[in-house]
Each structure stands twice: as C-alpha cells, then as structure tokens.
C-alpha atoms as a PDB file:
ATOM      1  CA  MET A   1      17.183  -2.101  -2.018  1.00  0.00           C
ATOM      2  CA  ASN A   2      13.660  -0.001  -1.400  1.00  0.00           C
ATOM      3  CA  TYR A   3      10.929  -1.789  -1.407  1.00  0.00           C
ATOM      4  CA  PHE A   4       8.131   1.261  -0.470  1.00  0.00           C
ATOM      5  CA  HIS A   5       8.271   4.702  -0.474  1.00  0.00           C
ATOM      6  CA  SER A   6       6.497   6.658   2.555  1.00  0.00           C
ATOM      7  CA  LYS A   7       6.111   9.582   3.776  1.00  0.00           C
ATOM      8  CA  ARG A   8       6.277  11.119   7.396  1.00  0.00           C
ATOM      9  CA  ILE A   9       2.777  12.374   8.515  1.00  0.00           C
ATOM     10  CA  THR A  10       3.025  14.976  12.380  1.00  0.00           C
ATOM     11  CA  GLY A  11      -0.139  16.129  14.143  1.00  0.00           C
ATOM     12  CA  THR A  12      -2.775  13.215  13.557  1.00  0.00           C
ATOM     13  CA  THR A  13      -3.861   9.392  14.657  1.00  0.00           C
ATOM     14  CA  VAL A  14      -3.500   6.668  12.095  1.00  0.00           C
ATOM     15  CA  GLU A  15      -8.033   6.982  13.031  1.00  0.00           C
ATOM     16  CA  ALA A  16      -7.701  10.272  11.014  1.00  0.00           C
ATOM     17  CA  ILE A  17      -5.248   9.930   8.480  1.00  0.00           C
ATOM     18  CA  ARG A  18      -7.108   6.254   7.132  1.00  0.00           C
ATOM     19  CA  PRO A  19     -10.296   8.697   5.134  1.00  0.00           C
ATOM     20  CA  LYS A  20      -7.408  10.869   3.863  1.00  0.00           C
ATOM     21  CA  VAL A  21      -5.583   8.449   2.111  1.00  0.00           C
ATOM     22  CA  GLU A  22      -8.408   6.720   0.839  1.00  0.00           C
ATOM     23  CA  GLU A  23      -9.433   9.607  -1.248  1.00  0.00           C
ATOM     24  CA  ALA A  24      -6.578   9.980  -2.490  1.00  0.00           C
ATOM     25  CA  LEU A  25      -6.175   6.505  -3.452  1.00  0.00           C
ATOM     26  CA  LYS A  26     -10.147   6.932  -4.956  1.00  0.00           C
ATOM     27  CA  SER A  27      -8.376   9.473  -7.405  1.00  0.00           C
ATOM     28  CA  GLU A  28      -5.992   7.628  -8.444  1.00  0.00           C
ATOM     29  CA  GLY A  29      -8.161   5.014  -8.929  1.00  0.00           C
ATOM     30  CA  PHE A  30      -7.531   2.379  -6.281  1.00  0.00           C
ATOM     31  CA  GLY A  31     -10.028   1.055  -3.537  1.00  0.00           C
ATOM     32  CA  VAL A  32      -9.430  -0.690  -0.565  1.00  0.00           C
ATOM     33  CA  LEU A  33     -10.384  -4.474  -1.026  1.00  0.00           C
ATOM     34  CA  THR A  34      -8.724  -5.435   2.307  1.00  0.00           C
ATOM     35  CA  GLU A  35      -7.845  -4.591   5.437  1.00  0.00           C
ATOM     36  CA  ILE A  36      -5.983  -6.082   8.077  1.00  0.00           C
ATOM     37  CA  ASP A  37      -5.198  -4.185  12.028  1.00  0.00           C
ATOM     38  CA  ILE A  38      -1.953  -6.206  13.160  1.00  0.00           C
ATOM     39  CA  LYS A  39      -3.127  -4.456  16.206  1.00  0.00           C
ATOM     40  CA  ALA A  40      -5.836  -6.615  16.518  1.00  0.00           C
ATOM     41  CA  THR A  41      -4.209  -9.109  15.659  1.00  0.00           C
ATOM     42  CA  MET A  42      -1.127  -9.394  17.295  1.00  0.00           C
ATOM     43  CA  LYS A  43      -3.573  -8.634  20.253  1.00  0.00           C
ATOM     44  CA  LYS A  44      -6.019 -11.525  19.881  1.00  0.00           C
ATOM     45  CA  LYS A  45      -2.976 -14.088  18.762  1.00  0.00           C
ATOM     46  CA  LEU A  46       0.175 -13.086  20.615  1.00  0.00           C
ATOM     47  CA  ASP A  47      -1.608 -11.259  23.699  1.00  0.00           C
ATOM     48  CA  LYS A  48       1.190  -8.599  22.130  1.00  0.00           C
ATOM     49  CA  GLU A  49       0.713  -4.708  21.877  1.00  0.00           C
ATOM     50  CA  TYR A  50       1.330  -2.831  18.743  1.00  0.00           C
ATOM     51  CA  LEU A  51       0.891   1.005  17.875  1.00  0.00           C
ATOM     52  CA  PRO A  52      -2.150   1.565  15.767  1.00  0.00           C
ATOM     53  CA  HIS A  53      -0.918  -0.077  12.695  1.00  0.00           C
ATOM     54  CA  LEU A  54      -2.920  -0.848   9.284  1.00  0.00           C
ATOM     55  CA  ILE A  55      -2.064  -2.851   5.859  1.00  0.00           C
ATOM     56  CA  LEU A  56      -4.849  -1.301   3.240  1.00  0.00           C
ATOM     57  CA  GLY A  57      -4.626  -4.043   0.668  1.00  0.00           C
ATOM     58  CA  ALA A  58      -5.942  -1.579  -2.937  1.00  0.00           C
ATOM     59  CA  CYS A  59      -5.879  -2.147  -6.378  1.00  0.00           C
ATOM     60  CA  ASN A  60      -7.173  -0.098  -9.066  1.00  0.00           C
ATOM     61  CA  PRO A  61      -8.743  -2.503 -11.610  1.00  0.00           C
ATOM     62  CA  VAL A  62      -7.430  -1.983 -14.992  1.00  0.00           C
ATOM     63  CA  TYR A  63      -4.717  -2.205 -13.563  1.00  0.00           C
ATOM     64  CA  ALA A  64      -4.403  -5.374 -11.497  1.00  0.00           C
ATOM     65  CA  ASP A  65      -6.435  -6.465 -15.143  1.00  0.00           C
ATOM     66  CA  LYS A  66      -3.175  -5.431 -17.105  1.00  0.00           C
ATOM     67  CA  VAL A  67      -0.574  -7.154 -14.959  1.00  0.00           C
ATOM     68  CA  LEU A  68      -2.613 -10.906 -15.342  1.00  0.00           C
ATOM     69  CA  SER A  69      -2.683 -10.719 -18.618  1.00  0.00           C
ATOM     70  CA  VAL A  70       0.619 -10.838 -18.993  1.00  0.00           C
ATOM     71  CA  GLU A  71       1.926 -12.467 -15.994  1.00  0.00           C
ATOM     72  CA  PRO A  72      -1.549 -14.667 -14.280  1.00  0.00           C
ATOM     73  CA  THR A  73       0.756 -15.591 -11.541  1.00  0.00           C
ATOM     74  CA  ILE A  74       1.247 -12.737 -10.498  1.00  0.00           C
ATOM     75  CA  SER A  75      -1.962 -13.079  -8.792  1.00  0.00           C
ATOM     76  CA  THR A  76       0.010 -13.993  -5.758  1.00  0.00           C
ATOM     77  CA  MET A  77       1.878 -10.302  -5.588  1.00  0.00           C
ATOM     78  CA  LEU A  78      -1.810  -7.554  -6.044  1.00  0.00           C
ATOM     79  CA  PRO A  79      -3.596  -6.268  -4.230  1.00  0.00           C
ATOM     80  CA  CYS A  80      -1.531  -3.446  -3.355  1.00  0.00           C
ATOM     81  CA  ASN A  81      -0.605  -2.782   0.343  1.00  0.00           C
ATOM     82  CA  VAL A  82      -1.300   0.702   1.345  1.00  0.00           C
ATOM     83  CA  THR A  83       0.273   1.257   5.468  1.00  0.00           C
ATOM     84  CA  LEU A  84      -0.588   3.408   8.301  1.00  0.00           C
ATOM     85  CA  ARG A  85       1.230   2.824  10.767  1.00  0.00           C
ATOM     86  CA  GLN A  86       2.032   5.067  14.436  1.00  0.00           C
ATOM     87  CA  LEU A  87       5.452   5.966  15.199  1.00  0.00           C
ATOM     88  CA  GLU A  88       7.022   6.026  18.151  1.00  0.00           C
ATOM     89  CA  SER A  89       7.628   9.336  17.990  1.00  0.00           C
ATOM     90  CA  GLY A  90       3.546   9.365  17.771  1.00  0.00           C
ATOM     91  CA  GLU A  91       3.774  10.549  13.876  1.00  0.00           C
ATOM     92  CA  ILE A  92       2.179   8.321  11.173  1.00  0.00           C
ATOM     93  CA  GLU A  93       4.004   6.429   8.565  1.00  0.00           C
ATOM     94  CA  VAL A  94       2.207   6.286   5.290  1.00  0.00           C
ATOM     95  CA  ALA A  95       3.784   3.048   3.394  1.00  0.00           C
ATOM     96  CA  ILE A  96       3.345   2.426   0.113  1.00  0.00           C
ATOM     97  CA  ILE A  97       4.599  -0.876  -2.138  1.00  0.00           C
ATOM     98  CA  ASP A  98       6.874   0.439  -5.345  1.00  0.00           C
ATOM     99  CA  PRO A  99       5.714  -2.715  -8.029  1.00  0.00           C
ATOM    100  CA  ILE A 100       8.796  -1.725  -9.150  1.00  0.00           C
ATOM    101  CA  ALA A 101      10.611  -2.969  -7.086  1.00  0.00           C
ATOM    102  CA  ALA A 102       8.041  -6.174  -6.232  1.00  0.00           C
ATOM    103  CA  MET A 103       7.289  -7.204  -9.692  1.00  0.00           C
ATOM    104  CA  GLY A 104      10.766  -6.513 -10.725  1.00  0.00           C
ATOM    105  CA  SER A 105      12.131  -9.621  -9.016  1.00  0.00           C
ATOM    106  CA  VAL A 106       9.251 -11.470 -12.046  1.00  0.00           C
ATOM    107  CA  GLY A 107      11.760 -10.832 -14.904  1.00  0.00           C
ATOM    108  CA  ASN A 108       9.079 -10.321 -17.140  1.00  0.00           C
ATOM    109  CA  LYS A 109      10.321  -7.549 -18.670  1.00  0.00           C
ATOM    110  CA  ASN A 110       6.432  -6.868 -20.145  1.00  0.00           C
ATOM    111  CA  LEU A 111       4.775  -6.051 -16.212  1.00  0.00           C
ATOM    112  CA  GLU A 112       7.779  -3.457 -16.300  1.00  0.00           C
ATOM    113  CA  THR A 113       5.451  -0.218 -17.980  1.00  0.00           C
ATOM    114  CA  HIS A 114       2.900  -1.428 -15.393  1.00  0.00           C
ATOM    115  CA  ALA A 115       4.640  -1.169 -12.454  1.00  0.00           C
ATOM    116  CA  GLY A 116       6.480   2.030 -14.123  1.00  0.00           C
ATOM    117  CA  GLU A 117       2.595   3.585 -14.115  1.00  0.00           C
ATOM    118  CA  VAL A 118       0.789   1.928 -10.569  1.00  0.00           C
ATOM    119  CA  ASN A 119       3.862   3.253  -9.056  1.00  0.00           C
ATOM    120  CA  GLU A 120       3.501   6.862 -10.494  1.00  0.00           C
ATOM    121  CA  LYS A 121      -0.475   6.443  -9.454  1.00  0.00           C
ATOM    122  CA  LEU A 122       1.496   5.357  -5.829  1.00  0.00           C
ATOM    123  CA  LYS A 123       3.605   8.453  -5.806  1.00  0.00           C
ATOM    124  CA  ARG A 124       1.232  10.487  -6.562  1.00  0.00           C
ATOM    125  CA  VAL A 125      -1.088   9.740  -3.444  1.00  0.00           C
ATOM    126  CA  LEU A 126       1.618  10.113  -0.757  1.00  0.00           C
ATOM    127  CA  ASN A 127       2.205  13.267  -2.065  1.00  0.00           C
ATOM    128  CA  ALA A 128      -1.244  14.693  -1.728  1.00  0.00           C
ATOM    129  CA  ILE A 129      -1.147  13.374   2.149  1.00  0.00           C
END
C-alpha cells in the first residue's frame, strides 16, 4: 500500500524549497503547525549524521474540524505530515501523507469524502512546487 505522494526536485536545497512548499500549502488552506528537524534531532540525541530532513505538520482547520466532528480520536492522525529531505543524489524529495490511506485504516466510511478532498489538495501542493 502506498501511503504517500512525492516529488523529486533538482537544483535546490531543503532550505530553499521550504518557502515554496509553505506557500503552496497556504494556497490550499493549510498552515504549518509543527516542525521537526530530523538532522538536528538525530545529531543531538544519537550523535548520528543525517542529510537535511524536515517534517512539517500541516493543518487545514476546515478539514480538521470536519474529520474531528465525524471521528474525534482521528486527532491521533493529525496534522498531515509533509517531509522535505535531501537524498544522497542531491535531489530534494517532497513527500506528503496520503490521507485516504491513513484514514482508511480507521474503518469509518464517513471520513472517506473528507480524506479524498484533502488528498486532492495535497496533490495540488506537490504539483505547484
């Protein structure tokens, strides 16, 4: 099962592509609520080297409200994660969660429409980068 969508970009860095990703998210009604810097965290906690790798927790409050109204414990699966990571090749991979795959595991048919709509918005984010 594929649980994410992704795009590889050449000729840029994680730092340089981040504002473009955030702008594309904003245009689809998402804001970034959280950030995890994998490279810094692994260095600090394990003294292990990683290439640049960020996890951005993106939220569209309209859709968060819709899914929470249907399934309150879905909060365990929010926000929608978007990752930006440098690959060994030097390319940058931007990956987003597939909400249909994630929420499909819950088994609540009432979530499907919302998950599908969020999935389309997130795919448009990838296409805009």
